[in-house]
Amino acid sequence: MKSVKPPSGRILCHSPASASRRGGIRVEMVVCTVILSISMMILVPAVRAVQLQRRSTETEVLTLIELNNLASLSSAQPVDQLELTSTFAQRFPAATLQHEAVTIDDPAGMTASRLTIVHPGSRSVPDIKRSLVVWWAESKTQAAGDQNSEAKE
């Protein structure tokens, strides 16, 4: 081992072990950077997928709530006059409401209509389409028709 006496009066020792440690911190930093980069390459797409899944689930839940609200409103007004609520339409401006009569031979005199809300998807998310069939007694249909004919006269 060589001793060197600097001007300050202290003795510095240079051993072969300390010479091999030179630059060790830089190598450790490079290894940590590579490991963090690989972790981020794996983690970022996974977090994005979870975010898209949550948004899709939230959209489906809010769509089903809106369909339930529209079904409740269908007892007060004809199904073909129903529209999406303003809150729902503001949140999902691309969503559309479709309604169609369901044909079925029902001896009990029940009539059905299918309400469907469609959300167009983006390039990574498919369209969300949820439907609800609303049933009511035939007398409601006749009463609504009578009201419409009276309004026209």
Protein backbone atom coordinates (compact mmCIF):
# COMPACT_ATOMS: atom_id res chain seq x y z
CA MET A 1 0.00 0.00 0.00
CA LYS A 2 1.32 3.42 -0.98
CA SER A 3 1.05 6.38 1.31
CA VAL A 4 0.85 9.83 -0.13
CA LYS A 5 1.30 12.91 1.97
CA PRO A 6 -0.69 15.84 0.63
CA PRO A 7 0.08 19.43 1.59
CA SER A 8 -2.59 19.40 4.29
CA GLY A 9 -0.59 16.96 6.33
CA ARG A 10 -3.02 14.01 6.19
CA ILE A 11 -1.97 10.69 4.81
CA LEU A 12 -4.09 9.23 1.99
CA CYS A 13 -4.05 5.51 1.28
CA HIS A 14 -4.77 4.09 -2.17
CA SER A 15 -5.47 0.38 -2.08
CA PRO A 16 -6.35 -1.86 -5.05
CA ALA A 17 -9.86 -2.35 -3.56
CA SER A 18 -10.63 1.36 -3.54
CA ALA A 19 -9.40 1.70 -7.11
CA SER A 20 -11.88 -0.94 -8.31
CA ARG A 21 -14.77 0.86 -6.53
CA ARG A 22 -14.23 4.02 -8.57
CA GLY A 23 -17.28 4.64 -10.79
CA GLY A 24 -19.39 2.09 -8.90
CA ILE A 25 -22.09 4.63 -8.05
CA ARG A 26 -22.49 5.54 -11.72
CA VAL A 27 -22.95 1.91 -12.67
CA GLU A 28 -25.52 1.46 -9.91
CA MET A 29 -27.40 4.54 -11.14
CA VAL A 30 -27.47 3.24 -14.71
CA VAL A 31 -28.76 -0.16 -13.54
CA CYS A 32 -31.47 1.51 -11.43
CA THR A 33 -32.49 3.69 -14.39
CA VAL A 34 -32.79 0.65 -16.67
CA ILE A 35 -34.86 -1.23 -14.08
CA LEU A 36 -37.16 1.76 -13.55
CA SER A 37 -37.58 2.22 -17.30
CA ILE A 38 -38.58 -1.41 -17.78
CA SER A 39 -40.99 -1.18 -14.85
CA MET A 40 -42.62 1.92 -16.32
CA MET A 41 -42.94 0.26 -19.75
CA ILE A 42 -44.94 -2.50 -18.10
CA LEU A 43 -46.86 -0.40 -15.59
CA VAL A 44 -48.12 2.52 -17.72
CA PRO A 45 -50.16 0.40 -20.20
CA ALA A 46 -51.61 -1.62 -17.32
CA VAL A 47 -52.75 1.52 -15.50
CA ARG A 48 -54.26 2.86 -18.76
CA ALA A 49 -56.17 -0.39 -19.27
CA VAL A 50 -57.57 -0.20 -15.74
CA GLN A 51 -58.61 3.42 -16.35
CA LEU A 52 -60.43 2.49 -19.58
CA GLN A 53 -62.17 -0.41 -17.86
CA ARG A 54 -63.36 1.84 -15.03
CA ARG A 55 -64.67 4.42 -17.48
CA SER A 56 -66.49 1.73 -19.46
CA THR A 57 -68.04 0.28 -16.30
CA GLU A 58 -69.13 3.74 -15.13
CA THR A 59 -70.72 4.42 -18.52
CA GLU A 60 -72.61 1.12 -18.41
CA VAL A 61 -73.89 1.75 -14.89
CA LEU A 62 -75.04 5.29 -15.71
CA THR A 63 -76.70 3.98 -18.89
CA LEU A 64 -78.64 1.36 -16.94
CA ILE A 65 -79.72 4.01 -14.41
CA GLU A 66 -80.89 6.24 -17.26
CA LEU A 67 -82.85 3.36 -18.81
CA ASN A 68 -84.49 2.66 -15.46
CA ASN A 69 -85.44 6.35 -15.13
CA LEU A 70 -86.88 6.34 -18.67
CA ALA A 71 -88.87 3.20 -17.88
CA SER A 72 -90.36 4.99 -14.88
CA LEU A 73 -91.22 7.98 -17.05
CA SER A 74 -92.88 5.74 -19.63
CA SER A 75 -95.82 5.25 -17.28
CA ALA A 76 -96.59 8.98 -17.55
CA GLN A 77 -95.95 9.59 -21.25
CA PRO A 78 -95.77 7.58 -24.46
CA VAL A 79 -92.52 5.78 -25.12
CA ASP A 80 -91.96 7.45 -28.50
CA GLN A 81 -91.89 10.87 -26.77
CA LEU A 82 -89.18 9.92 -24.27
CA GLU A 83 -85.80 11.65 -24.54
CA LEU A 84 -82.54 11.34 -22.67
CA THR A 85 -82.38 13.54 -19.59
CA SER A 86 -80.37 16.74 -19.95
CA THR A 87 -77.79 15.62 -17.39
CA PHE A 88 -77.17 12.36 -19.22
CA ALA A 89 -77.08 14.09 -22.61
CA GLN A 90 -74.52 16.62 -21.36
CA ARG A 91 -72.30 13.91 -19.92
CA PHE A 92 -72.57 11.65 -22.98
CA PRO A 93 -73.34 13.90 -25.97
CA ALA A 94 -72.77 11.12 -28.52
CA ALA A 95 -75.27 8.76 -26.86
CA THR A 96 -78.55 8.11 -28.65
CA LEU A 97 -81.91 6.76 -27.46
CA GLN A 98 -83.75 4.32 -29.68
CA HIS A 99 -87.18 2.85 -29.03
CA GLU A 100 -88.97 0.13 -30.89
CA ALA A 101 -92.16 -1.81 -30.38
CA VAL A 102 -91.74 -5.44 -29.40
CA THR A 103 -94.21 -7.69 -31.14
CA ILE A 104 -95.46 -10.60 -29.10
CA ASP A 105 -98.77 -12.39 -28.95
CA ASP A 106 -99.81 -11.87 -25.36
CA PRO A 107 -103.29 -13.00 -24.36
CA ALA A 108 -103.13 -10.88 -21.20
CA GLY A 109 -103.23 -7.68 -23.26
CA MET A 110 -99.71 -6.49 -22.37
CA THR A 111 -97.70 -4.32 -24.75
CA ALA A 112 -93.92 -3.99 -24.77
CA SER A 113 -91.40 -1.51 -26.07
CA ARG A 114 -87.62 -1.80 -26.13
CA LEU A 115 -85.62 1.24 -25.05
CA THR A 116 -81.97 1.19 -26.17
CA ILE A 117 -79.15 3.60 -25.42
CA VAL A 118 -76.12 3.40 -27.71
CA HIS A 119 -72.74 4.96 -26.93
CA PRO A 120 -70.43 4.98 -29.95
CA GLY A 121 -67.04 3.59 -29.02
CA SER A 122 -63.62 4.95 -29.75
CA ARG A 123 -60.82 3.15 -31.55
CA SER A 124 -59.87 1.16 -28.46
CA VAL A 125 -63.34 0.72 -26.91
CA PRO A 126 -66.27 -1.01 -28.63
CA ASP A 127 -69.78 0.48 -28.78
CA ILE A 128 -71.79 0.21 -25.57
CA LYS A 129 -75.38 -0.78 -26.28
CA ARG A 130 -77.80 -1.44 -23.42
CA SER A 131 -81.53 -2.18 -23.74
CA LEU A 132 -84.51 -2.45 -21.45
CA VAL A 133 -87.94 -3.81 -22.36
CA VAL A 134 -90.84 -1.92 -20.79
CA TRP A 135 -94.21 -3.69 -20.39
CA TRP A 136 -97.55 -2.03 -19.74
CA ALA A 137 -101.21 -2.88 -19.94
CA GLU A 138 -103.03 -2.32 -23.25
CA SER A 139 -105.30 0.28 -21.64
CA LYS A 140 -102.32 2.68 -21.25
CA THR A 141 -101.63 2.49 -24.98
CA GLN A 142 -105.23 3.15 -25.82
CA ALA A 143 -105.43 6.03 -23.33
CA ALA A 144 -102.28 7.60 -24.79
CA GLY A 145 -103.70 7.21 -28.28
CA ASP A 146 -106.98 8.82 -27.18
CA GLN A 147 -105.09 11.77 -25.66
CA ASN A 148 -103.06 12.23 -28.84
CA SER A 149 -106.19 12.16 -31.03
CA GLU A 150 -107.96 14.68 -28.76
CA ALA A 151 -104.94 16.97 -28.92
CA LYS A 152 -104.97 16.87 -32.73
CA GLU A 153 -108.69 17.83 -32.88
